[in-house]
Structure formats: structure tokens, C-alpha cells
N, C-alpha and C. Protein backbone atom coordinates (compact mmCIF):
# COMPACT_ATOMS: atom_id res chain seq x y z
N UNK A 1 11.14 12.35 3.13
CA UNK A 1 11.85 12.71 1.90
C UNK A 1 11.38 11.86 0.72
N UNK A 2 11.13 10.59 0.97
CA UNK A 2 10.64 9.73 -0.10
C UNK A 2 9.31 10.22 -0.64
N UNK A 3 8.37 10.52 0.26
CA UNK A 3 7.04 10.97 -0.16
C UNK A 3 7.14 12.34 -0.86
N UNK A 4 7.90 13.25 -0.29
CA UNK A 4 8.07 14.57 -0.91
C UNK A 4 8.69 14.47 -2.30
N UNK A 5 9.75 13.65 -2.41
CA UNK A 5 10.43 13.51 -3.70
C UNK A 5 9.57 12.78 -4.72
N UNK A 6 8.75 11.84 -4.25
CA UNK A 6 7.81 11.18 -5.16
C UNK A 6 6.83 12.20 -5.72
N UNK A 7 6.36 13.11 -4.87
CA UNK A 7 5.46 14.16 -5.31
C UNK A 7 6.13 15.08 -6.33
N UNK A 8 7.37 15.42 -6.06
CA UNK A 8 8.10 16.30 -6.97
C UNK A 8 8.34 15.63 -8.33
N UNK A 9 8.72 14.37 -8.26
CA UNK A 9 9.09 13.68 -9.50
C UNK A 9 7.86 13.26 -10.31
N UNK A 10 6.90 12.64 -9.65
CA UNK A 10 5.77 12.06 -10.37
C UNK A 10 4.62 13.03 -10.59
N UNK A 11 4.37 13.89 -9.59
CA UNK A 11 3.22 14.79 -9.69
C UNK A 11 3.63 16.21 -10.05
N UNK A 12 4.93 16.45 -10.14
CA UNK A 12 5.47 17.80 -10.41
C UNK A 12 4.92 18.79 -9.39
N UNK A 13 4.83 18.33 -8.14
CA UNK A 13 4.21 19.15 -7.09
C UNK A 13 5.13 19.32 -5.89
N UNK A 14 5.32 20.55 -5.47
CA UNK A 14 6.05 20.82 -4.24
C UNK A 14 5.09 20.75 -3.04
N UNK A 15 3.84 21.04 -3.30
CA UNK A 15 2.82 21.03 -2.26
C UNK A 15 1.94 19.80 -2.44
N UNK A 16 1.94 18.90 -1.45
CA UNK A 16 1.18 17.66 -1.56
C UNK A 16 -0.19 17.73 -0.86
N UNK A 17 -0.61 18.91 -0.44
CA UNK A 17 -1.92 19.02 0.19
C UNK A 17 -3.00 18.63 -0.82
N UNK A 18 -3.93 17.81 -0.36
CA UNK A 18 -4.98 17.32 -1.25
C UNK A 18 -4.60 16.10 -2.05
N UNK A 19 -3.34 15.67 -1.93
CA UNK A 19 -2.89 14.45 -2.61
C UNK A 19 -3.02 13.26 -1.66
N UNK A 20 -3.19 12.06 -2.24
CA UNK A 20 -3.42 10.86 -1.44
C UNK A 20 -2.33 9.83 -1.68
N UNK A 21 -1.78 9.33 -0.58
CA UNK A 21 -0.73 8.31 -0.60
C UNK A 21 -1.27 7.06 0.08
N UNK A 22 -1.29 5.95 -0.65
CA UNK A 22 -1.78 4.68 -0.10
C UNK A 22 -0.64 3.68 -0.01
N UNK A 23 -0.52 3.04 1.14
CA UNK A 23 0.56 2.07 1.34
C UNK A 23 0.14 1.08 2.41
N UNK A 24 1.07 0.22 2.80
CA UNK A 24 0.74 -0.77 3.83
C UNK A 24 1.93 -1.03 4.73
N UNK A 25 1.63 -1.48 5.93
CA UNK A 25 2.68 -1.82 6.89
C UNK A 25 2.90 -0.73 7.91
N UNK A 26 2.73 -1.08 9.18
CA UNK A 26 3.02 -0.15 10.27
C UNK A 26 3.92 -0.80 11.32
N UNK A 27 4.67 -1.79 10.87
CA UNK A 27 5.60 -2.47 11.76
C UNK A 27 6.91 -1.72 11.89
N UNK A 28 7.98 -2.46 12.18
CA UNK A 28 9.28 -1.85 12.49
C UNK A 28 9.80 -0.89 11.45
N UNK A 29 10.10 -1.39 10.25
CA UNK A 29 10.70 -0.55 9.22
C UNK A 29 9.69 0.39 8.56
N UNK A 30 8.40 0.04 8.64
CA UNK A 30 7.40 0.79 7.89
C UNK A 30 6.57 1.73 8.75
N UNK A 31 6.83 1.75 10.04
CA UNK A 31 6.00 2.53 10.96
C UNK A 31 6.00 4.02 10.73
N UNK A 32 7.05 4.54 10.07
CA UNK A 32 7.16 5.99 9.88
C UNK A 32 6.29 6.52 8.75
N UNK A 33 5.68 5.64 7.98
CA UNK A 33 4.94 6.10 6.80
C UNK A 33 3.80 7.05 7.15
N UNK A 34 3.10 6.76 8.25
CA UNK A 34 1.97 7.60 8.65
C UNK A 34 2.43 9.02 8.98
N UNK A 35 3.50 9.09 9.74
CA UNK A 35 4.02 10.41 10.12
C UNK A 35 4.57 11.15 8.89
N UNK A 36 5.19 10.41 8.00
CA UNK A 36 5.74 11.02 6.78
C UNK A 36 4.65 11.68 5.95
N UNK A 37 3.50 11.01 5.85
CA UNK A 37 2.38 11.56 5.06
C UNK A 37 1.94 12.91 5.63
N UNK A 38 1.83 12.99 6.96
CA UNK A 38 1.37 14.23 7.59
C UNK A 38 2.42 15.33 7.46
N UNK A 39 3.69 14.97 7.66
CA UNK A 39 4.76 15.96 7.50
C UNK A 39 4.75 16.52 6.07
N UNK A 40 4.50 15.64 5.10
CA UNK A 40 4.47 16.05 3.69
C UNK A 40 3.19 16.81 3.35
N UNK A 41 2.19 16.74 4.25
CA UNK A 41 0.96 17.50 4.06
C UNK A 41 -0.12 16.79 3.26
N UNK A 42 0.06 15.48 3.02
CA UNK A 42 -0.93 14.78 2.19
C UNK A 42 -1.86 13.92 3.05
N UNK A 43 -2.70 13.17 2.39
CA UNK A 43 -3.60 12.23 3.04
C UNK A 43 -2.95 10.85 2.92
N UNK A 44 -2.60 10.25 4.04
CA UNK A 44 -1.98 8.93 4.02
C UNK A 44 -2.94 7.88 4.54
N UNK A 45 -3.20 6.85 3.74
CA UNK A 45 -4.00 5.71 4.19
C UNK A 45 -3.06 4.52 4.23
N UNK A 46 -2.86 3.98 5.42
CA UNK A 46 -1.90 2.89 5.61
C UNK A 46 -2.63 1.67 6.14
N UNK A 47 -2.60 0.59 5.38
CA UNK A 47 -3.27 -0.65 5.79
C UNK A 47 -2.33 -1.50 6.62
N UNK A 48 -2.90 -2.15 7.64
CA UNK A 48 -2.12 -3.03 8.52
C UNK A 48 -3.04 -4.12 9.06
N UNK A 49 -2.63 -5.38 8.92
CA UNK A 49 -3.48 -6.49 9.38
C UNK A 49 -3.38 -6.73 10.89
N UNK A 50 -2.27 -6.31 11.48
CA UNK A 50 -2.01 -6.57 12.90
C UNK A 50 -2.47 -5.37 13.74
N UNK A 51 -3.54 -5.57 14.50
CA UNK A 51 -4.09 -4.47 15.29
C UNK A 51 -3.08 -3.92 16.30
N UNK A 52 -2.22 -4.78 16.83
CA UNK A 52 -1.23 -4.34 17.81
C UNK A 52 -0.31 -3.27 17.23
N UNK A 53 0.08 -3.43 15.98
CA UNK A 53 0.94 -2.44 15.31
C UNK A 53 0.21 -1.11 15.13
N UNK A 54 -1.06 -1.18 14.74
CA UNK A 54 -1.87 0.03 14.58
C UNK A 54 -2.00 0.78 15.90
N UNK A 55 -2.33 0.05 16.95
CA UNK A 55 -2.52 0.68 18.25
C UNK A 55 -1.22 1.31 18.77
N UNK A 56 -0.12 0.64 18.50
CA UNK A 56 1.18 1.17 18.93
C UNK A 56 1.48 2.50 18.23
N UNK A 57 1.29 2.55 16.92
CA UNK A 57 1.56 3.80 16.17
C UNK A 57 0.58 4.91 16.57
N UNK A 58 -0.65 4.53 16.87
CA UNK A 58 -1.64 5.52 17.30
C UNK A 58 -1.26 6.09 18.66
N UNK A 59 -0.86 5.21 19.56
CA UNK A 59 -0.45 5.64 20.89
C UNK A 59 0.78 6.54 20.84
N UNK A 60 1.68 6.26 19.91
CA UNK A 60 2.89 7.08 19.74
C UNK A 60 2.58 8.44 19.13
N UNK A 61 1.38 8.57 18.57
CA UNK A 61 1.02 9.82 17.90
C UNK A 61 1.44 9.88 16.45
N UNK A 62 1.91 8.77 15.93
CA UNK A 62 2.35 8.74 14.53
C UNK A 62 1.18 8.53 13.59
N UNK A 63 0.09 7.98 14.12
CA UNK A 63 -1.10 7.68 13.35
C UNK A 63 -2.26 8.46 13.97
N UNK A 64 -2.95 9.25 13.18
CA UNK A 64 -4.00 10.12 13.73
C UNK A 64 -5.30 9.38 14.00
N UNK A 65 -5.67 8.47 13.10
CA UNK A 65 -6.94 7.77 13.23
C UNK A 65 -6.79 6.30 12.83
N UNK A 66 -7.70 5.47 13.34
CA UNK A 66 -7.75 4.05 13.00
C UNK A 66 -9.19 3.69 12.65
N UNK A 67 -9.36 2.86 11.62
CA UNK A 67 -10.69 2.37 11.27
C UNK A 67 -10.56 0.99 10.63
N UNK A 68 -11.54 0.14 10.91
CA UNK A 68 -11.58 -1.17 10.23
C UNK A 68 -12.71 -1.21 9.21
N UNK A 69 -13.25 -0.03 8.88
CA UNK A 69 -14.39 0.07 7.98
C UNK A 69 -13.98 0.79 6.70
N UNK A 70 -14.04 0.10 5.57
CA UNK A 70 -13.60 0.70 4.31
C UNK A 70 -14.50 1.85 3.86
N UNK A 71 -15.79 1.75 4.14
CA UNK A 71 -16.69 2.86 3.80
C UNK A 71 -16.25 4.13 4.51
N UNK A 72 -15.92 3.98 5.80
CA UNK A 72 -15.46 5.13 6.59
C UNK A 72 -14.13 5.66 6.04
N UNK A 73 -13.23 4.75 5.70
CA UNK A 73 -11.92 5.18 5.18
C UNK A 73 -12.06 5.99 3.89
N UNK A 74 -12.93 5.52 3.00
CA UNK A 74 -13.14 6.23 1.73
C UNK A 74 -13.79 7.59 1.97
N UNK A 75 -14.74 7.63 2.90
CA UNK A 75 -15.40 8.91 3.23
C UNK A 75 -14.39 9.90 3.81
N UNK A 76 -13.53 9.44 4.71
CA UNK A 76 -12.52 10.32 5.32
C UNK A 76 -11.49 10.76 4.27
N UNK A 77 -11.12 9.85 3.39
CA UNK A 77 -10.19 10.18 2.31
C UNK A 77 -10.77 11.30 1.45
N UNK A 78 -12.02 11.14 1.04
CA UNK A 78 -12.65 12.17 0.19
C UNK A 78 -12.72 13.53 0.90
N UNK A 79 -13.10 13.49 2.17
CA UNK A 79 -13.24 14.71 2.95
C UNK A 79 -11.90 15.44 3.11
N UNK A 80 -10.87 14.68 3.52
CA UNK A 80 -9.55 15.28 3.73
C UNK A 80 -8.94 15.76 2.41
N UNK A 81 -9.18 15.01 1.36
CA UNK A 81 -8.66 15.37 0.04
C UNK A 81 -9.30 16.66 -0.45
N UNK A 82 -10.61 16.75 -0.30
CA UNK A 82 -11.35 17.93 -0.75
C UNK A 82 -10.93 19.18 0.02
N UNK A 83 -10.76 19.03 1.33
CA UNK A 83 -10.43 20.18 2.18
C UNK A 83 -8.93 20.38 2.38
N UNK A 84 -8.14 19.54 1.70
CA UNK A 84 -6.66 19.62 1.76
C UNK A 84 -6.15 19.57 3.20
N UNK A 85 -6.67 18.60 3.94
CA UNK A 85 -6.27 18.39 5.33
C UNK A 85 -5.25 17.26 5.39
N UNK A 86 -4.14 17.49 6.07
CA UNK A 86 -3.15 16.41 6.27
C UNK A 86 -3.75 15.38 7.22
N UNK A 87 -3.69 14.12 6.83
CA UNK A 87 -4.32 13.06 7.62
C UNK A 87 -3.53 11.76 7.50
N UNK A 88 -3.35 11.08 8.61
CA UNK A 88 -2.81 9.71 8.56
C UNK A 88 -3.87 8.79 9.16
N UNK A 89 -4.41 7.93 8.31
CA UNK A 89 -5.49 7.03 8.70
C UNK A 89 -5.02 5.60 8.57
N UNK A 90 -5.06 4.86 9.65
CA UNK A 90 -4.68 3.46 9.63
C UNK A 90 -5.90 2.60 9.37
N UNK A 91 -5.85 1.83 8.28
CA UNK A 91 -6.94 0.90 7.98
C UNK A 91 -6.59 -0.46 8.56
N UNK A 92 -7.38 -0.91 9.53
CA UNK A 92 -7.14 -2.24 10.11
C UNK A 92 -7.76 -3.29 9.19
N UNK A 93 -6.95 -3.78 8.28
CA UNK A 93 -7.40 -4.75 7.30
C UNK A 93 -6.30 -4.98 6.28
N UNK A 94 -6.61 -5.77 5.28
CA UNK A 94 -5.62 -6.11 4.26
C UNK A 94 -5.55 -5.05 3.18
N UNK A 95 -4.36 -4.69 2.79
CA UNK A 95 -4.19 -3.62 1.81
C UNK A 95 -4.78 -4.00 0.45
N UNK A 96 -4.88 -5.30 0.15
CA UNK A 96 -5.48 -5.71 -1.12
C UNK A 96 -6.95 -5.29 -1.16
N UNK A 97 -7.65 -5.44 -0.04
CA UNK A 97 -9.04 -4.98 0.03
C UNK A 97 -9.13 -3.47 -0.22
N UNK A 98 -8.16 -2.73 0.31
CA UNK A 98 -8.14 -1.27 0.12
C UNK A 98 -7.90 -0.92 -1.34
N UNK A 99 -6.89 -1.55 -1.95
CA UNK A 99 -6.60 -1.28 -3.36
C UNK A 99 -7.80 -1.64 -4.24
N UNK A 100 -8.42 -2.79 -3.97
CA UNK A 100 -9.56 -3.21 -4.78
C UNK A 100 -10.76 -2.29 -4.60
N UNK A 101 -10.92 -1.75 -3.39
CA UNK A 101 -12.00 -0.79 -3.16
C UNK A 101 -11.75 0.50 -3.96
N UNK A 102 -10.49 0.93 -4.04
CA UNK A 102 -10.16 2.12 -4.82
C UNK A 102 -10.42 1.90 -6.30
N UNK A 103 -10.19 0.67 -6.77
CA UNK A 103 -10.53 0.32 -8.16
C UNK A 103 -12.04 0.37 -8.35
N UNK A 104 -12.77 -0.16 -7.38
CA UNK A 104 -14.23 -0.15 -7.42
C UNK A 104 -14.77 1.29 -7.50
N UNK A 105 -14.18 2.19 -6.69
CA UNK A 105 -14.60 3.60 -6.72
C UNK A 105 -14.31 4.23 -8.08
N UNK A 106 -13.18 3.86 -8.66
CA UNK A 106 -12.82 4.36 -9.99
C UNK A 106 -13.82 3.87 -11.03
N UNK A 107 -14.15 2.58 -10.98
CA UNK A 107 -15.10 2.01 -11.94
C UNK A 107 -16.49 2.62 -11.78
N UNK A 108 -16.86 2.89 -10.54
CA UNK A 108 -18.22 3.37 -10.23
C UNK A 108 -18.39 4.85 -10.54
N UNK A 109 -17.38 5.64 -10.19
CA UNK A 109 -17.52 7.10 -10.29
C UNK A 109 -16.60 7.75 -11.34
N UNK A 110 -15.61 6.99 -11.82
CA UNK A 110 -14.63 7.56 -12.74
C UNK A 110 -13.59 8.41 -12.04
N UNK A 111 -13.61 8.38 -10.71
CA UNK A 111 -12.73 9.23 -9.92
C UNK A 111 -11.52 8.43 -9.40
N UNK A 112 -10.33 8.91 -9.72
CA UNK A 112 -9.10 8.32 -9.19
C UNK A 112 -8.81 8.97 -7.84
N UNK A 113 -8.93 8.19 -6.77
CA UNK A 113 -8.83 8.75 -5.42
C UNK A 113 -7.42 8.68 -4.83
N UNK A 114 -6.47 8.12 -5.57
CA UNK A 114 -5.11 7.97 -5.03
C UNK A 114 -4.11 8.51 -6.05
N UNK A 115 -3.12 9.25 -5.54
CA UNK A 115 -2.10 9.85 -6.41
C UNK A 115 -0.78 9.10 -6.36
N UNK A 116 -0.42 8.66 -5.16
CA UNK A 116 0.86 7.98 -4.93
C UNK A 116 0.61 6.67 -4.19
N UNK A 117 1.38 5.64 -4.54
CA UNK A 117 1.21 4.36 -3.86
C UNK A 117 2.52 3.63 -3.70
N UNK A 118 2.60 2.84 -2.63
CA UNK A 118 3.76 1.99 -2.42
C UNK A 118 3.34 0.82 -1.54
N UNK A 119 4.33 0.08 -1.05
CA UNK A 119 4.03 -1.08 -0.21
C UNK A 119 5.23 -1.33 0.70
N UNK A 120 4.93 -1.55 1.99
CA UNK A 120 6.01 -1.89 2.91
C UNK A 120 5.66 -3.09 3.77
N UNK A 121 4.96 -4.05 3.16
CA UNK A 121 4.85 -5.35 3.82
C UNK A 121 6.22 -6.00 3.76
N UNK A 122 6.47 -6.98 4.63
CA UNK A 122 7.80 -7.62 4.68
C UNK A 122 7.88 -8.74 3.65
N UNK A 123 7.89 -8.34 2.37
CA UNK A 123 7.87 -9.32 1.29
C UNK A 123 9.21 -10.01 1.06
N UNK A 124 10.22 -9.63 1.83
CA UNK A 124 11.46 -10.42 1.80
C UNK A 124 11.23 -11.74 2.54
N UNK A 125 10.11 -11.82 3.28
CA UNK A 125 9.77 -13.01 4.06
C UNK A 125 8.27 -13.30 3.93
N UNK A 126 7.78 -13.51 2.69
CA UNK A 126 6.34 -13.51 2.47
C UNK A 126 5.59 -14.74 2.95
N UNK A 127 6.30 -15.84 3.11
CA UNK A 127 5.61 -17.10 3.44
C UNK A 127 5.76 -17.50 4.89
N UNK A 128 6.29 -16.58 5.69
CA UNK A 128 6.48 -16.88 7.11
C UNK A 128 6.00 -15.70 7.97
N UNK A 129 4.95 -15.03 7.52
CA UNK A 129 4.37 -13.95 8.32
C UNK A 129 4.69 -12.55 7.87
N UNK A 130 5.48 -12.40 6.81
CA UNK A 130 5.81 -11.06 6.33
C UNK A 130 4.73 -10.44 5.47
N UNK A 131 3.87 -11.30 4.92
CA UNK A 131 2.77 -10.85 4.05
C UNK A 131 1.59 -11.77 4.33
N UNK A 132 0.43 -11.18 4.59
CA UNK A 132 -0.75 -11.98 4.91
C UNK A 132 -1.75 -11.95 3.76
N UNK A 133 -2.27 -13.12 3.36
CA UNK A 133 -3.18 -13.18 2.21
C UNK A 133 -4.53 -12.55 2.50
N UNK A 134 -5.08 -11.91 1.49
CA UNK A 134 -6.35 -11.18 1.63
C UNK A 134 -7.54 -12.11 1.87
N UNK A 135 -7.40 -13.37 1.47
CA UNK A 135 -8.53 -14.29 1.55
C UNK A 135 -8.91 -14.66 2.98
N UNK A 136 -8.00 -14.46 3.94
CA UNK A 136 -8.23 -14.86 5.33
C UNK A 136 -8.03 -13.69 6.28
N UNK A 137 -8.71 -13.74 7.42
CA UNK A 137 -8.45 -12.79 8.49
C UNK A 137 -7.09 -13.06 9.10
N UNK A 138 -6.60 -12.13 9.89
CA UNK A 138 -5.25 -12.21 10.46
C UNK A 138 -5.06 -13.47 11.32
N UNK A 139 -5.96 -13.70 12.24
CA UNK A 139 -5.82 -14.84 13.14
C UNK A 139 -5.97 -16.16 12.38
N UNK A 140 -6.91 -16.20 11.47
CA UNK A 140 -7.13 -17.41 10.66
C UNK A 140 -5.89 -17.72 9.82
N UNK A 141 -5.29 -16.66 9.26
CA UNK A 141 -4.09 -16.83 8.44
C UNK A 141 -2.92 -17.34 9.28
N UNK A 142 -2.79 -16.82 10.50
CA UNK A 142 -1.71 -17.30 11.38
C UNK A 142 -1.87 -18.78 11.69
N UNK A 143 -3.10 -19.21 11.91
CA UNK A 143 -3.36 -20.63 12.17
C UNK A 143 -3.02 -21.48 10.97
N UNK A 144 -3.37 -21.01 9.76
CA UNK A 144 -3.06 -21.76 8.54
C UNK A 144 -1.55 -21.83 8.32
N UNK A 145 -0.86 -20.74 8.59
CA UNK A 145 0.60 -20.72 8.45
C UNK A 145 1.23 -21.82 9.30
N UNK A 146 0.68 -22.00 10.48
CA UNK A 146 1.19 -23.02 11.39
C UNK A 146 0.80 -24.44 10.96
N UNK A 147 -0.45 -24.60 10.52
CA UNK A 147 -0.97 -25.95 10.24
C UNK A 147 -0.73 -26.43 8.82
N UNK A 148 -0.68 -25.49 7.86
CA UNK A 148 -0.53 -25.89 6.46
C UNK A 148 0.24 -24.82 5.69
N UNK A 149 1.56 -24.76 5.88
CA UNK A 149 2.35 -23.70 5.23
C UNK A 149 2.28 -23.72 3.71
N UNK A 150 2.08 -24.91 3.13
CA UNK A 150 1.97 -24.99 1.67
C UNK A 150 0.73 -24.28 1.16
N UNK A 151 -0.39 -24.47 1.83
CA UNK A 151 -1.63 -23.79 1.46
C UNK A 151 -1.50 -22.28 1.70
N UNK A 152 -0.84 -21.92 2.79
CA UNK A 152 -0.60 -20.51 3.09
C UNK A 152 0.18 -19.86 1.94
N UNK A 153 1.20 -20.54 1.48
CA UNK A 153 2.03 -20.02 0.38
C UNK A 153 1.19 -19.81 -0.89
N UNK A 154 0.33 -20.77 -1.19
CA UNK A 154 -0.54 -20.67 -2.36
C UNK A 154 -1.45 -19.45 -2.27
N UNK A 155 -2.02 -19.24 -1.07
CA UNK A 155 -2.91 -18.09 -0.88
C UNK A 155 -2.15 -16.77 -0.96
N UNK A 156 -0.93 -16.72 -0.45
CA UNK A 156 -0.11 -15.51 -0.53
C UNK A 156 0.15 -15.15 -2.00
N UNK A 157 0.48 -16.15 -2.80
CA UNK A 157 0.79 -15.86 -4.20
C UNK A 157 -0.46 -15.42 -4.97
N UNK A 158 -1.59 -16.02 -4.64
CA UNK A 158 -2.86 -15.59 -5.23
C UNK A 158 -3.17 -14.14 -4.82
N UNK A 159 -2.93 -13.83 -3.56
CA UNK A 159 -3.16 -12.48 -3.04
C UNK A 159 -2.25 -11.46 -3.73
N UNK A 160 -1.00 -11.83 -3.94
CA UNK A 160 -0.06 -10.94 -4.62
C UNK A 160 -0.52 -10.63 -6.04
N UNK A 161 -1.08 -11.63 -6.71
CA UNK A 161 -1.57 -11.39 -8.08
C UNK A 161 -2.75 -10.40 -8.06
N UNK A 162 -3.64 -10.55 -7.09
CA UNK A 162 -4.75 -9.60 -6.95
C UNK A 162 -4.23 -8.21 -6.58
N UNK A 163 -3.26 -8.17 -5.69
CA UNK A 163 -2.63 -6.93 -5.22
C UNK A 163 -2.13 -6.12 -6.42
N UNK A 164 -1.35 -6.77 -7.26
CA UNK A 164 -0.75 -6.11 -8.42
C UNK A 164 -1.80 -5.73 -9.46
N UNK A 165 -2.78 -6.60 -9.67
CA UNK A 165 -3.83 -6.31 -10.65
C UNK A 165 -4.56 -5.00 -10.31
N UNK A 166 -4.84 -4.80 -9.03
CA UNK A 166 -5.53 -3.57 -8.61
C UNK A 166 -4.62 -2.35 -8.80
N UNK A 167 -3.36 -2.48 -8.40
CA UNK A 167 -2.40 -1.38 -8.56
C UNK A 167 -2.26 -1.01 -10.03
N UNK A 168 -2.17 -2.03 -10.90
CA UNK A 168 -2.00 -1.78 -12.33
C UNK A 168 -3.18 -0.98 -12.90
N UNK A 169 -4.39 -1.31 -12.48
CA UNK A 169 -5.57 -0.61 -12.99
C UNK A 169 -5.53 0.87 -12.60
N UNK A 170 -5.13 1.14 -11.36
CA UNK A 170 -5.05 2.52 -10.89
C UNK A 170 -3.89 3.27 -11.54
N UNK A 171 -2.77 2.56 -11.71
CA UNK A 171 -1.59 3.19 -12.34
C UNK A 171 -1.89 3.54 -13.80
N UNK A 172 -2.68 2.71 -14.47
CA UNK A 172 -3.05 3.00 -15.85
C UNK A 172 -3.86 4.30 -15.97
N UNK A 173 -4.48 4.71 -14.87
CA UNK A 173 -5.28 5.94 -14.86
C UNK A 173 -4.52 7.14 -14.30
N UNK A 174 -3.24 6.92 -13.90
CA UNK A 174 -2.44 8.07 -13.48
C UNK A 174 -1.87 8.03 -12.07
N UNK A 175 -2.17 6.97 -11.31
CA UNK A 175 -1.56 6.83 -9.98
C UNK A 175 -0.10 6.38 -10.16
N UNK A 176 0.80 6.93 -9.34
CA UNK A 176 2.21 6.59 -9.45
C UNK A 176 2.62 5.69 -8.30
N UNK A 177 3.12 4.52 -8.63
CA UNK A 177 3.50 3.51 -7.64
C UNK A 177 5.00 3.28 -7.70
N UNK A 178 5.60 3.07 -6.53
CA UNK A 178 7.02 2.74 -6.52
C UNK A 178 7.29 1.60 -5.54
N UNK A 179 8.39 0.92 -5.79
CA UNK A 179 8.82 -0.19 -4.94
C UNK A 179 9.68 0.36 -3.81
N UNK A 180 9.46 -0.17 -2.62
CA UNK A 180 10.15 0.34 -1.44
C UNK A 180 11.35 -0.52 -1.02
N UNK A 181 11.82 -1.36 -1.96
CA UNK A 181 12.99 -2.18 -1.63
C UNK A 181 12.66 -3.31 -0.68
N UNK A 182 11.37 -3.72 -0.65
CA UNK A 182 10.94 -4.76 0.29
C UNK A 182 10.68 -6.09 -0.41
N UNK A 183 11.12 -6.21 -1.66
CA UNK A 183 10.96 -7.43 -2.47
C UNK A 183 9.51 -7.67 -2.90
N UNK A 184 8.65 -6.66 -2.79
CA UNK A 184 7.26 -6.82 -3.20
C UNK A 184 7.14 -7.19 -4.68
N UNK A 185 7.81 -6.43 -5.53
CA UNK A 185 7.70 -6.69 -6.96
C UNK A 185 8.36 -8.02 -7.34
N UNK A 186 9.44 -8.34 -6.69
CA UNK A 186 10.12 -9.62 -6.96
C UNK A 186 9.21 -10.80 -6.62
N UNK A 187 8.60 -10.77 -5.43
CA UNK A 187 7.72 -11.87 -5.03
C UNK A 187 6.44 -11.89 -5.87
N UNK A 188 5.97 -10.72 -6.27
CA UNK A 188 4.79 -10.66 -7.13
C UNK A 188 5.11 -11.29 -8.49
N UNK A 189 6.30 -11.01 -8.99
CA UNK A 189 6.73 -11.61 -10.26
C UNK A 189 6.82 -13.13 -10.13
N UNK A 190 7.38 -13.61 -9.04
CA UNK A 190 7.48 -15.05 -8.81
C UNK A 190 6.11 -15.71 -8.70
N UNK A 191 5.13 -14.91 -8.24
CA UNK A 191 3.76 -15.42 -8.10
C UNK A 191 2.98 -15.38 -9.42
N UNK A 192 3.60 -14.80 -10.45
CA UNK A 192 2.94 -14.73 -11.75
C UNK A 192 2.16 -13.45 -12.00
N UNK A 193 2.38 -12.44 -11.16
CA UNK A 193 1.69 -11.16 -11.34
C UNK A 193 2.30 -10.38 -12.51
N UNK A 194 1.53 -9.48 -13.06
CA UNK A 194 1.94 -8.69 -14.22
C UNK A 194 2.75 -7.47 -13.77
N UNK A 195 4.04 -7.68 -13.52
CA UNK A 195 4.89 -6.59 -13.05
C UNK A 195 6.10 -6.33 -13.95
N UNK A 196 6.24 -7.13 -15.00
CA UNK A 196 7.41 -6.94 -15.86
C UNK A 196 7.25 -5.70 -16.73
N UNK A 197 8.38 -5.07 -16.98
CA UNK A 197 8.39 -3.87 -17.81
C UNK A 197 8.33 -4.29 -19.28
N UNK A 198 7.35 -3.75 -19.99
CA UNK A 198 7.17 -4.12 -21.40
C UNK A 198 8.39 -3.71 -22.22
N UNK A 199 8.88 -4.64 -23.02
CA UNK A 199 10.00 -4.37 -23.91
C UNK A 199 11.35 -4.37 -23.24
N UNK A 200 11.39 -4.73 -21.95
CA UNK A 200 12.66 -4.76 -21.22
C UNK A 200 13.00 -6.20 -20.84
N UNK A 201 14.17 -6.38 -20.24
CA UNK A 201 14.51 -7.74 -19.83
C UNK A 201 13.73 -8.11 -18.57
N UNK A 202 13.76 -9.39 -18.24
CA UNK A 202 12.88 -9.89 -17.18
C UNK A 202 13.29 -9.45 -15.78
N UNK A 203 14.44 -8.81 -15.66
CA UNK A 203 14.85 -8.32 -14.34
C UNK A 203 14.38 -6.89 -14.09
N UNK A 204 13.71 -6.29 -15.08
CA UNK A 204 13.20 -4.93 -14.93
C UNK A 204 11.69 -4.95 -14.68
N UNK A 205 11.27 -4.10 -13.75
CA UNK A 205 9.86 -4.05 -13.40
C UNK A 205 9.20 -2.80 -13.97
N UNK A 206 7.88 -2.85 -14.08
CA UNK A 206 7.13 -1.71 -14.61
C UNK A 206 7.11 -0.53 -13.63
N UNK A 207 7.41 -0.80 -12.34
CA UNK A 207 7.45 0.26 -11.34
C UNK A 207 8.88 0.44 -10.83
N UNK A 208 9.27 1.67 -10.58
CA UNK A 208 10.65 1.95 -10.19
C UNK A 208 10.92 1.70 -8.70
N UNK A 209 12.22 1.64 -8.40
CA UNK A 209 12.66 1.52 -7.00
C UNK A 209 12.91 2.91 -6.44
N UNK A 210 12.49 3.12 -5.20
CA UNK A 210 12.67 4.44 -4.57
C UNK A 210 14.15 4.79 -4.41
N UNK A 211 15.00 3.78 -4.26
CA UNK A 211 16.43 4.04 -4.03
C UNK A 211 17.03 4.80 -5.22
N UNK A 212 16.82 4.25 -6.41
CA UNK A 212 17.42 4.87 -7.61
C UNK A 212 16.54 6.00 -8.14
N UNK A 213 15.25 5.79 -8.19
CA UNK A 213 14.38 6.69 -8.93
C UNK A 213 13.98 7.92 -8.12
N UNK A 214 13.80 7.75 -6.83
CA UNK A 214 13.31 8.86 -6.00
C UNK A 214 14.44 9.46 -5.17
N UNK A 215 15.08 8.64 -4.34
CA UNK A 215 16.13 9.16 -3.47
C UNK A 215 17.40 9.49 -4.24
N UNK A 216 17.72 8.65 -5.25
CA UNK A 216 18.92 8.88 -6.03
C UNK A 216 18.86 10.18 -6.82
């Protein structure tokens, strides 16, 4: 319902075939995103750093494909988008790399490859394993979290700033992003990312919440 209503509200579209939804997280609360994309008929690319979560969703049949190669992900995205094929593709990697690659494709070709975006990392708990920084691999990041939590925190906040910068560039070209109530925008704001709504008070963000804006 969230994905369908986002399409209706932001894209003025009842039919999401050929549209692309990019998000992250395939754990407990976020595992349904892959299936939602296919039910809605769009192309869903969901990034996840933990291979165990990806394999679990794939085994359950909620995720159609898995890849750790961004070139392959972009090729599959283009193919499914062009042919209007419903697809759920799990990218085994950090969502910041995915967002930055989409910016790179935009800069290189002028083509906006994503229509809808969100995030379901566990940003209510960003410094204790809920969000992993793009600068490190999953296992390396887990080791740093254990050995030097202060450094881990610094890298997470740097990653959040990069995360938002990429989203902002794509949103400026017409991609619609919403907050999933996971404290992503709040933690990004605390990290110094550009998420404040221009001309509004500091408690308002440039991107809406799905609770009020989409489901409400």
C-alpha cells in the first residue's frame, strides 16, 4: 500500500510497471519491501549489507534475485524498466554505493533511473549495528563497532551525509523520496546532512513521512 500510494501521490500513476523503487534493508521490519515492489508491479532494488538477510528473503521467495555487482544491478534495472517487468533485486552491498552509482549514471547519461526512493535501515539505532557505514565492508565494520565505537560513530555520520547528498541530487531531478519512520532523516540531520526543509522550522524535513503523507 505504501508503494502503490507513493506512486499515486508522487507519480500520478495507478500503474507502476516500468517504475523503479530503490530502498534498503531486508531485515525484520523491512523484509517485505521486495515483495511489495513486485506486487505493485515495479522494479525494486533493495540494498542489504548482511548476506544472511538477503539469502533468507530469497529462500522465502520474497526476493527474486541477488547480486553483489553494481554493474549487473544497473543492467538488470535498465532491462526490467524498459520491458516493464516486475522485479525484486537484492543488492548485497551498502545502499550509499547504490545511490551514488545512480547519481553517476545521471551525470554520465542524463538519465534518471529511479522514480521512488526510501530507506529502512534501523536508524533508530544507528551506532550499534542498525546502520553500517559505506566506507567499510560488513565484517570490517562489525569489528570496528566492537573495538572502537567512537570511530564507528564518526564513519556512520559521514556515511549519512553522503547518503543524503546522493538522494538530494536525484530528488532535484524528479525522484520522490519519503521517510519510513525509521529515524533516517533525524539521524541524518544530527550528522549535519542537508535534510532541513527550506523556509520551515528545524523540526521539518525536506522529505515527507509515509505515515502522514502517503498512508494518511
